[in-house]
N, C-alpha and C. Protein backbone atom coordinates (compact mmCIF):
# COMPACT_ATOMS: atom_id res chain seq x y z
N MET A 1 -76.69 -14.61 -43.81
CA MET A 1 -76.92 -13.13 -43.11
C MET A 1 -75.25 -12.36 -43.15
N GLY A 2 -74.76 -13.32 -42.80
CA GLY A 2 -73.37 -13.12 -42.00
C GLY A 2 -72.01 -12.57 -43.33
N ILE A 3 -72.33 -12.40 -44.09
CA ILE A 3 -72.04 -11.64 -45.25
C ILE A 3 -72.36 -10.22 -44.90
N THR A 4 -73.44 -9.97 -44.51
CA THR A 4 -74.31 -9.42 -44.59
C THR A 4 -73.97 -8.10 -43.65
N VAL A 5 -73.63 -8.81 -42.84
CA VAL A 5 -72.76 -8.15 -41.12
C VAL A 5 -71.58 -8.00 -41.13
N LEU A 6 -71.02 -8.74 -42.04
CA LEU A 6 -69.27 -8.09 -42.38
C LEU A 6 -69.28 -7.20 -43.47
N VAL A 7 -70.47 -6.82 -44.52
CA VAL A 7 -70.45 -5.74 -45.05
C VAL A 7 -70.77 -4.06 -44.13
N LEU A 8 -71.80 -4.58 -43.47
CA LEU A 8 -71.90 -3.52 -42.87
C LEU A 8 -71.08 -3.49 -41.67
N THR A 9 -70.28 -4.11 -41.11
CA THR A 9 -69.47 -3.97 -40.72
C THR A 9 -68.37 -2.86 -40.82
N GLY A 10 -67.47 -3.68 -41.94
CA GLY A 10 -66.61 -2.57 -42.79
C GLY A 10 -66.99 -1.24 -43.38
N LEU A 11 -68.83 -0.80 -43.73
CA LEU A 11 -69.39 0.07 -43.82
C LEU A 11 -68.57 1.04 -42.40
N ARG A 12 -69.67 0.20 -41.21
CA ARG A 12 -69.39 1.02 -40.13
C ARG A 12 -68.12 1.23 -39.48
N LEU A 13 -67.05 0.51 -39.92
CA LEU A 13 -65.26 0.73 -39.04
C LEU A 13 -65.05 2.05 -39.81
N ALA A 14 -65.04 2.14 -41.13
CA ALA A 14 -64.87 3.02 -42.37
C ALA A 14 -65.23 4.44 -41.62
N TRP A 15 -66.53 4.21 -41.28
CA TRP A 15 -67.65 5.59 -41.18
C TRP A 15 -66.42 5.84 -39.35
N ARG A 16 -65.87 4.49 -39.10
CA ARG A 16 -65.36 5.18 -37.46
C ARG A 16 -63.94 5.53 -37.47
N ILE A 17 -63.42 5.44 -38.47
CA ILE A 17 -62.15 5.72 -39.14
C ILE A 17 -62.32 7.41 -39.26
N PHE A 18 -63.47 8.03 -39.78
CA PHE A 18 -63.50 9.27 -40.64
C PHE A 18 -64.10 10.10 -39.45
N HIS A 19 -64.54 9.44 -38.18
CA HIS A 19 -65.67 10.12 -37.66
C HIS A 19 -65.54 10.10 -35.91
N ARG A 20 -64.61 10.54 -35.64
CA ARG A 20 -64.30 10.32 -34.10
C ARG A 20 -65.65 10.29 -33.13
N PRO A 21 -65.30 9.30 -31.85
CA PRO A 21 -66.65 9.32 -31.15
C PRO A 21 -66.56 10.65 -30.51
N PRO A 22 -68.00 11.20 -29.62
CA PRO A 22 -67.71 12.17 -28.62
C PRO A 22 -66.42 11.50 -27.11
N PRO A 23 -65.82 12.49 -26.84
CA PRO A 23 -65.31 11.52 -24.68
C PRO A 23 -65.83 11.37 -24.47
N SER A 24 -65.76 10.37 -23.04
CA SER A 24 -66.69 9.74 -22.27
C SER A 24 -66.50 11.19 -21.38
N PRO A 25 -67.83 10.39 -20.93
CA PRO A 25 -67.75 12.08 -20.23
C PRO A 25 -66.59 11.98 -18.70
N ALA A 26 -66.42 13.64 -18.43
CA ALA A 26 -65.50 13.79 -17.25
C ALA A 26 -65.46 13.31 -16.29
N GLY A 27 -66.31 13.11 -15.96
CA GLY A 27 -66.13 11.49 -14.50
C GLY A 27 -66.62 10.19 -14.30
N MET A 28 -66.03 9.42 -15.79
CA MET A 28 -66.19 8.68 -15.87
C MET A 28 -64.37 7.88 -15.14
N PRO A 29 -64.90 6.89 -14.19
CA PRO A 29 -63.15 6.36 -14.23
C PRO A 29 -62.35 5.61 -14.98
N ALA A 30 -61.04 6.22 -15.05
CA ALA A 30 -60.30 5.27 -16.46
C ALA A 30 -60.32 3.99 -16.26
N ARG A 31 -60.62 2.81 -15.32
CA ARG A 31 -61.17 1.12 -15.60
C ARG A 31 -61.95 1.31 -16.64
N GLU A 32 -63.67 2.43 -16.51
CA GLU A 32 -65.05 2.17 -17.06
C GLU A 32 -64.94 2.70 -18.53
N ARG A 33 -63.87 3.54 -18.71
CA ARG A 33 -63.14 3.76 -20.42
C ARG A 33 -62.25 2.79 -20.57
N ARG A 34 -61.19 2.21 -19.98
CA ARG A 34 -60.89 0.76 -20.52
C ARG A 34 -61.90 -0.13 -21.03
N ALA A 35 -62.78 -0.39 -19.81
CA ALA A 35 -63.84 -1.49 -19.85
C ALA A 35 -64.44 -1.44 -21.27
N ALA A 36 -64.62 -0.02 -21.72
CA ALA A 36 -65.72 0.38 -22.59
C ALA A 36 -64.72 0.15 -23.88
N ALA A 37 -63.57 0.47 -24.00
CA ALA A 37 -62.39 0.00 -24.92
C ALA A 37 -62.43 -0.84 -25.16
N ALA A 38 -62.11 -1.35 -24.45
CA ALA A 38 -62.23 -3.30 -24.47
C ALA A 38 -63.28 -3.35 -25.02
N ALA A 39 -64.55 -3.47 -24.90
CA ALA A 39 -65.61 -3.95 -24.85
C ALA A 39 -66.05 -3.60 -26.46
N HIS A 40 -65.70 -2.38 -26.77
CA HIS A 40 -66.27 -2.30 -27.98
C HIS A 40 -64.59 -2.71 -29.04
N GLY A 41 -63.56 -2.74 -28.37
CA GLY A 41 -62.62 -3.78 -29.48
C GLY A 41 -63.35 -5.30 -30.07
N VAL A 42 -63.78 -5.97 -28.66
CA VAL A 42 -63.99 -7.39 -28.65
C VAL A 42 -65.39 -7.40 -29.94
N LEU A 43 -66.38 -6.80 -29.64
CA LEU A 43 -67.49 -6.18 -30.31
C LEU A 43 -67.03 -6.52 -31.69
N TYR A 44 -66.45 -5.31 -32.34
CA TYR A 44 -65.65 -5.15 -33.41
C TYR A 44 -64.67 -6.60 -33.74
N GLY A 45 -64.44 -6.92 -33.04
CA GLY A 45 -63.46 -8.24 -33.64
C GLY A 45 -64.35 -9.52 -33.61
N LEU A 46 -65.60 -9.42 -33.06
CA LEU A 46 -66.95 -10.39 -33.61
C LEU A 46 -67.75 -10.46 -34.40
N LEU A 47 -68.09 -8.69 -35.00
CA LEU A 47 -68.56 -8.33 -35.92
C LEU A 47 -67.81 -9.23 -37.22
N VAL A 48 -66.57 -9.05 -37.05
CA VAL A 48 -65.69 -9.76 -38.25
C VAL A 48 -65.47 -11.37 -38.69
N GLY A 49 -65.35 -11.03 -36.83
CA GLY A 49 -65.09 -12.94 -37.26
C GLY A 49 -65.86 -13.78 -37.65
N LEU A 50 -66.95 -13.87 -36.21
CA LEU A 50 -68.20 -14.53 -36.65
C LEU A 50 -68.50 -14.69 -38.23
N PRO A 51 -68.44 -13.79 -39.15
CA PRO A 51 -69.21 -13.83 -40.18
C PRO A 51 -67.96 -14.57 -41.05
N LEU A 52 -66.87 -14.35 -40.60
CA LEU A 52 -65.79 -14.94 -41.61
C LEU A 52 -65.43 -16.60 -41.28
N THR A 53 -66.00 -17.03 -39.98
CA THR A 53 -65.91 -18.04 -39.69
C THR A 53 -67.05 -18.66 -40.45
N GLY A 54 -68.28 -18.20 -40.17
CA GLY A 54 -69.56 -19.13 -40.83
C GLY A 54 -69.31 -19.36 -42.31
N TRP A 55 -68.25 -18.61 -43.11
CA TRP A 55 -67.91 -18.29 -44.59
C TRP A 55 -67.02 -18.96 -44.50
N ALA A 56 -66.21 -19.52 -43.92
CA ALA A 56 -65.35 -20.80 -43.49
C ALA A 56 -65.67 -22.21 -43.32
N VAL A 57 -66.61 -22.39 -42.62
CA VAL A 57 -67.82 -22.91 -41.98
C VAL A 57 -68.25 -23.88 -43.41
N VAL A 58 -69.12 -23.26 -44.53
CA VAL A 58 -69.78 -23.46 -45.76
C VAL A 58 -68.90 -23.53 -46.62
N SER A 59 -67.95 -23.04 -46.50
CA SER A 59 -67.17 -23.43 -47.32
C SER A 59 -66.45 -24.59 -47.39
N LEU A 60 -66.39 -25.17 -46.19
CA LEU A 60 -65.49 -26.45 -45.67
C LEU A 60 -66.39 -27.64 -45.93
N SER A 61 -68.45 -27.73 -45.77
CA SER A 61 -69.16 -28.47 -45.83
C SER A 61 -68.52 -28.91 -47.04
N PRO A 62 -68.72 -30.59 -46.37
CA PRO A 62 -68.84 -31.62 -47.40
C PRO A 62 -69.98 -31.96 -48.65
N PHE A 63 -71.63 -30.51 -47.84
CA PHE A 63 -72.43 -31.22 -48.96
C PHE A 63 -71.68 -30.29 -50.20
N ASN A 64 -71.10 -28.84 -50.09
CA ASN A 64 -70.66 -28.24 -51.19
C ASN A 64 -72.09 -27.76 -52.02
N LEU A 65 -72.93 -27.35 -50.63
CA LEU A 65 -74.44 -26.18 -51.38
C LEU A 65 -73.42 -24.69 -52.19
N PRO A 66 -73.91 -24.18 -52.62
CA PRO A 66 -73.57 -23.04 -53.12
C PRO A 66 -74.09 -22.11 -51.92
N THR A 67 -73.58 -20.92 -52.53
CA THR A 67 -73.97 -20.00 -51.48
C THR A 67 -74.63 -19.08 -51.83
N VAL A 68 -75.54 -18.21 -52.33
CA VAL A 68 -76.52 -17.40 -52.69
C VAL A 68 -77.42 -16.44 -51.75
N LEU A 69 -76.68 -15.16 -51.92
CA LEU A 69 -77.35 -14.02 -50.68
C LEU A 69 -78.61 -13.75 -51.32
N TYR A 70 -79.17 -13.96 -50.11
CA TYR A 70 -81.32 -13.23 -50.02
C TYR A 70 -81.31 -14.36 -51.52
N GLY A 71 -81.22 -15.20 -52.27
CA GLY A 71 -81.57 -15.76 -53.27
C GLY A 71 -81.38 -15.37 -54.48
N LEU A 72 -80.62 -14.30 -54.23
CA LEU A 72 -80.24 -13.48 -55.61
C LEU A 72 -78.85 -13.81 -56.43
N VAL A 73 -78.00 -13.06 -55.29
CA VAL A 73 -76.26 -12.64 -55.42
C VAL A 73 -75.09 -14.26 -55.04
N PRO A 74 -74.71 -15.42 -56.04
CA PRO A 74 -73.66 -16.02 -55.58
C PRO A 74 -72.85 -15.54 -54.74
N TRP A 75 -72.17 -16.13 -53.91
CA TRP A 75 -71.38 -16.06 -53.22
C TRP A 75 -70.60 -17.24 -53.49
N PRO A 76 -69.06 -16.72 -53.69
CA PRO A 76 -68.15 -17.88 -53.47
C PRO A 76 -67.57 -18.10 -52.63
N HIS A 77 -67.47 -19.71 -52.33
CA HIS A 77 -66.76 -19.69 -51.23
C HIS A 77 -65.30 -19.95 -51.54
N LEU A 78 -64.57 -19.47 -50.01
CA LEU A 78 -63.24 -19.77 -49.65
C LEU A 78 -62.56 -20.66 -50.00
N PRO A 79 -61.41 -20.83 -50.93
CA PRO A 79 -60.30 -21.87 -50.88
C PRO A 79 -59.68 -22.22 -50.17
N LEU A 80 -60.36 -22.65 -48.91
CA LEU A 80 -59.97 -23.27 -47.75
C LEU A 80 -59.65 -24.83 -48.21
N ALA A 81 -60.30 -25.54 -48.45
CA ALA A 81 -60.37 -27.09 -48.41
C ALA A 81 -58.88 -27.58 -49.18
N PRO A 82 -57.82 -27.08 -50.33
CA PRO A 82 -57.23 -27.48 -50.78
C PRO A 82 -55.76 -27.09 -49.55
N LEU A 83 -56.06 -26.38 -49.22
CA LEU A 83 -54.63 -25.77 -48.00
C LEU A 83 -54.61 -26.29 -47.06
N LEU A 84 -55.82 -27.71 -46.35
CA LEU A 84 -55.97 -28.32 -45.25
C LEU A 84 -55.70 -29.66 -45.29
N SER A 85 -55.44 -30.47 -44.40
CA SER A 85 -55.45 -31.81 -44.97
C SER A 85 -56.31 -32.48 -44.47
N ASP A 86 -57.12 -31.75 -43.62
CA ASP A 86 -58.57 -32.75 -43.09
C ASP A 86 -59.34 -31.35 -43.06
N PRO A 87 -60.12 -31.32 -44.50
CA PRO A 87 -61.02 -30.39 -44.00
C PRO A 87 -62.21 -30.23 -43.38
N ALA A 88 -62.10 -32.01 -43.32
CA ALA A 88 -64.25 -31.94 -42.17
C ALA A 88 -63.61 -31.40 -40.83
N ALA A 89 -62.54 -32.19 -40.60
CA ALA A 89 -62.29 -31.70 -39.01
C ALA A 89 -61.87 -30.22 -39.00
N ALA A 90 -61.30 -29.53 -39.58
CA ALA A 90 -61.71 -28.06 -39.74
C ALA A 90 -62.68 -27.14 -38.91
N GLU A 91 -63.71 -27.94 -40.48
CA GLU A 91 -65.18 -27.92 -40.71
C GLU A 91 -65.64 -27.46 -38.77
N GLY A 92 -65.73 -28.53 -38.31
CA GLY A 92 -66.20 -28.98 -37.19
C GLY A 92 -65.16 -28.35 -35.99
N ARG A 93 -64.60 -28.02 -36.22
CA ARG A 93 -63.69 -27.33 -35.18
C ARG A 93 -64.23 -26.06 -34.76
N LEU A 94 -64.31 -24.90 -36.15
CA LEU A 94 -64.93 -23.98 -37.04
C LEU A 94 -66.17 -23.89 -36.42
N LYS A 95 -66.79 -24.52 -36.78
CA LYS A 95 -68.51 -24.56 -36.12
C LYS A 95 -68.44 -24.44 -34.62
N VAL A 96 -67.03 -25.35 -33.82
CA VAL A 96 -67.49 -24.68 -32.28
C VAL A 96 -67.02 -23.36 -31.74
N VAL A 97 -66.09 -22.72 -32.29
CA VAL A 97 -65.80 -21.61 -32.56
C VAL A 97 -66.57 -20.42 -33.15
N HIS A 98 -67.40 -21.02 -34.15
CA HIS A 98 -68.62 -19.81 -34.51
C HIS A 98 -69.58 -20.01 -33.63
N ALA A 99 -70.28 -21.23 -32.98
CA ALA A 99 -71.01 -21.47 -32.37
C ALA A 99 -70.94 -20.57 -30.47
N TYR A 100 -69.85 -21.11 -30.20
CA TYR A 100 -69.20 -20.01 -28.93
C TYR A 100 -69.08 -18.22 -28.59
N GLY A 101 -68.60 -17.73 -30.11
CA GLY A 101 -68.58 -16.63 -30.31
C GLY A 101 -69.56 -16.33 -30.90
N ALA A 102 -70.45 -17.00 -31.24
CA ALA A 102 -71.83 -16.46 -31.22
C ALA A 102 -72.59 -16.43 -29.46
N TRP A 103 -72.65 -16.88 -29.01
CA TRP A 103 -73.07 -17.34 -27.14
C TRP A 103 -72.29 -15.68 -26.56
N PHE A 104 -70.77 -15.71 -27.14
CA PHE A 104 -69.98 -14.66 -26.42
C PHE A 104 -70.59 -13.05 -26.84
N LEU A 105 -71.35 -13.41 -28.28
CA LEU A 105 -71.54 -11.96 -28.81
C LEU A 105 -72.50 -11.52 -28.45
N THR A 106 -73.41 -12.46 -27.56
CA THR A 106 -74.50 -11.94 -27.03
C THR A 106 -74.28 -11.77 -26.03
N ALA A 107 -73.84 -12.56 -25.26
CA ALA A 107 -73.59 -12.05 -23.24
C ALA A 107 -73.01 -10.79 -23.90
N LEU A 108 -72.10 -10.97 -24.55
CA LEU A 108 -71.07 -9.13 -24.46
C LEU A 108 -72.53 -7.92 -25.13
N LEU A 109 -73.30 -8.53 -25.83
CA LEU A 109 -74.36 -7.19 -26.22
C LEU A 109 -74.85 -7.20 -25.57
N VAL A 110 -75.77 -8.04 -24.01
CA VAL A 110 -76.21 -7.94 -23.06
C VAL A 110 -75.39 -6.93 -22.30
N LEU A 111 -74.26 -7.07 -22.01
CA LEU A 111 -73.49 -6.70 -21.01
C LEU A 111 -74.20 -5.06 -21.51
N HIS A 112 -73.22 -4.51 -22.98
CA HIS A 112 -73.55 -3.40 -22.93
C HIS A 112 -74.65 -2.65 -23.28
N VAL A 113 -75.47 -3.32 -23.02
CA VAL A 113 -76.74 -2.75 -22.77
C VAL A 113 -77.43 -2.45 -21.75
N VAL A 114 -76.66 -3.66 -20.50
CA VAL A 114 -77.11 -3.28 -19.47
C VAL A 114 -76.18 -2.03 -18.84
N ALA A 115 -75.09 -2.33 -19.26
CA ALA A 115 -74.26 -0.73 -18.96
C ALA A 115 -74.31 0.49 -19.85
N ALA A 116 -75.37 0.92 -20.79
CA ALA A 116 -75.73 1.73 -21.31
C ALA A 116 -76.97 1.90 -20.33
N LEU A 117 -77.98 1.11 -20.10
CA LEU A 117 -79.35 1.57 -19.00
C LEU A 117 -78.62 1.91 -17.85
N ARG A 118 -77.27 1.53 -17.44
CA ARG A 118 -76.70 1.66 -16.01
C ARG A 118 -76.17 3.36 -16.03
N HIS A 119 -76.54 3.99 -16.78
CA HIS A 119 -75.12 5.72 -17.39
C HIS A 119 -76.77 6.26 -17.74
N HIS A 120 -77.67 5.55 -17.91
CA HIS A 120 -78.58 6.43 -19.02
C HIS A 120 -79.62 6.77 -17.18
N LEU A 121 -79.99 5.58 -16.23
CA LEU A 121 -80.77 5.58 -15.29
C LEU A 121 -80.55 5.24 -13.92
N ILE A 122 -79.43 5.16 -13.50
CA ILE A 122 -78.77 4.74 -12.27
C ILE A 122 -77.59 6.49 -12.08
N LEU A 123 -76.66 6.55 -13.40
CA LEU A 123 -75.76 7.17 -13.08
C LEU A 123 -76.43 8.68 -13.96
N ARG A 124 -77.03 8.98 -14.54
CA ARG A 124 -78.03 10.02 -15.12
C ARG A 124 -76.75 10.75 -16.01
N ASP A 125 -76.10 9.96 -16.90
CA ASP A 125 -75.42 11.25 -17.59
C ASP A 125 -75.49 10.69 -18.69
N ASP A 126 -74.82 11.16 -20.15
CA ASP A 126 -75.59 11.37 -21.50
C ASP A 126 -74.66 10.65 -22.00
N VAL A 127 -74.30 9.46 -22.02
CA VAL A 127 -73.62 8.24 -22.43
C VAL A 127 -74.21 7.52 -22.77
N LEU A 128 -75.72 6.90 -22.98
CA LEU A 128 -77.00 6.72 -23.97
C LEU A 128 -77.63 7.29 -24.94
N ARG A 129 -77.59 8.30 -24.88
CA ARG A 129 -77.89 9.70 -25.61
C ARG A 129 -77.11 10.22 -26.74
N ARG A 130 -75.59 9.39 -26.56
CA ARG A 130 -74.47 10.20 -27.43
C ARG A 130 -74.64 8.59 -28.33
N MET A 131 -75.02 7.91 -27.95
CA MET A 131 -74.69 6.37 -28.78
C MET A 131 -76.21 6.67 -30.05
N LEU A 132 -77.40 7.36 -30.02
CA LEU A 132 -78.38 7.50 -30.66
C LEU A 132 -77.64 8.63 -31.78
N PRO A 133 -78.33 8.60 -33.00
CA PRO A 133 -78.00 9.63 -33.92
C PRO A 133 -78.77 10.58 -33.13
N ALA A 134 -77.85 12.01 -33.96
CA ALA A 134 -78.06 13.29 -33.62
C ALA A 134 -79.38 13.34 -33.96
N ARG A 135 -80.03 14.57 -32.81
CA ARG A 135 -81.72 14.96 -33.12
C ARG A 135 -81.45 15.85 -33.41
N ARG A 136 -82.42 16.48 -34.59
CA ARG A 136 -82.53 17.69 -34.94
C ARG A 136 -83.60 17.97 -34.61
N PRO A 137 -83.94 19.20 -34.19
CA PRO A 137 -85.08 19.70 -33.44
C PRO A 137 -85.90 20.14 -35.01
N SER A 138 -87.21 19.75 -34.73
CA SER A 138 -88.52 19.47 -35.79
C SER A 138 -88.48 21.14 -36.23
N PRO A 139 -89.08 21.21 -37.62
CA PRO A 139 -89.37 22.62 -37.78
C PRO A 139 -90.30 23.07 -37.16
N SER A 140 -91.35 22.76 -36.55
CA SER A 140 -92.09 23.13 -35.67
C SER A 140 -91.92 23.54 -34.25
N SER A 141 -90.35 22.40 -33.82
CA SER A 141 -90.46 23.54 -32.63
C SER A 141 -89.26 24.43 -32.72
N GLU A 142 -88.50 24.79 -33.76
CA GLU A 142 -87.92 25.63 -34.44
C GLU A 142 -88.84 27.08 -34.36
N VAL A 143 -90.17 26.86 -34.97
CA VAL A 143 -90.90 28.68 -35.17
C VAL A 143 -91.62 28.57 -33.67
N LEU A 144 -91.40 27.46 -32.75
CA LEU A 144 -91.78 27.86 -31.45
C LEU A 144 -90.96 28.13 -30.71
N GLY A 145 -90.07 28.07 -31.11
CA GLY A 145 -88.78 28.32 -30.22
C GLY A 145 -88.35 29.77 -30.03
N SER A 146 -88.76 30.35 -31.60
CA SER A 146 -88.49 31.74 -32.11
C SER A 146 -89.31 32.44 -31.58
N THR A 147 -90.76 31.95 -31.63
CA THR A 147 -91.84 33.20 -30.33
C THR A 147 -91.42 33.67 -29.56
N ARG A 148 -90.64 32.86 -28.88
CA ARG A 148 -90.42 33.06 -27.52
C ARG A 148 -89.93 34.04 -26.93
């Protein structure tokens, strides 16, 4: 799963480079804008960092099990063990980093959802609608709209 998340995050980051997000609502306080920007930066960092730490854990495992994506695609291990004096200790530390990072990502995701719902239900601005894919009118609504 981690490699899939890493690849999809890479595609998302490439998309983000070429497609600027819409500006924040005019009335949004500067501290909320900074918090949103920081949260997005941390989310992207975790979406890259967690798969990499997971890949490193698997690569340093003393069991040396092969990694096969979805049972079909063999995936190489990172060549980390020769670079480390104690690969087992590094694996243990990376497991802890990976686990705490996963919990932090979960908490940040919950916070992100709560913030989006706050904007939608309490502040009644368009922040949540901006996150959703663009909705085009259905052909039937266009026909109905043109007859009015």
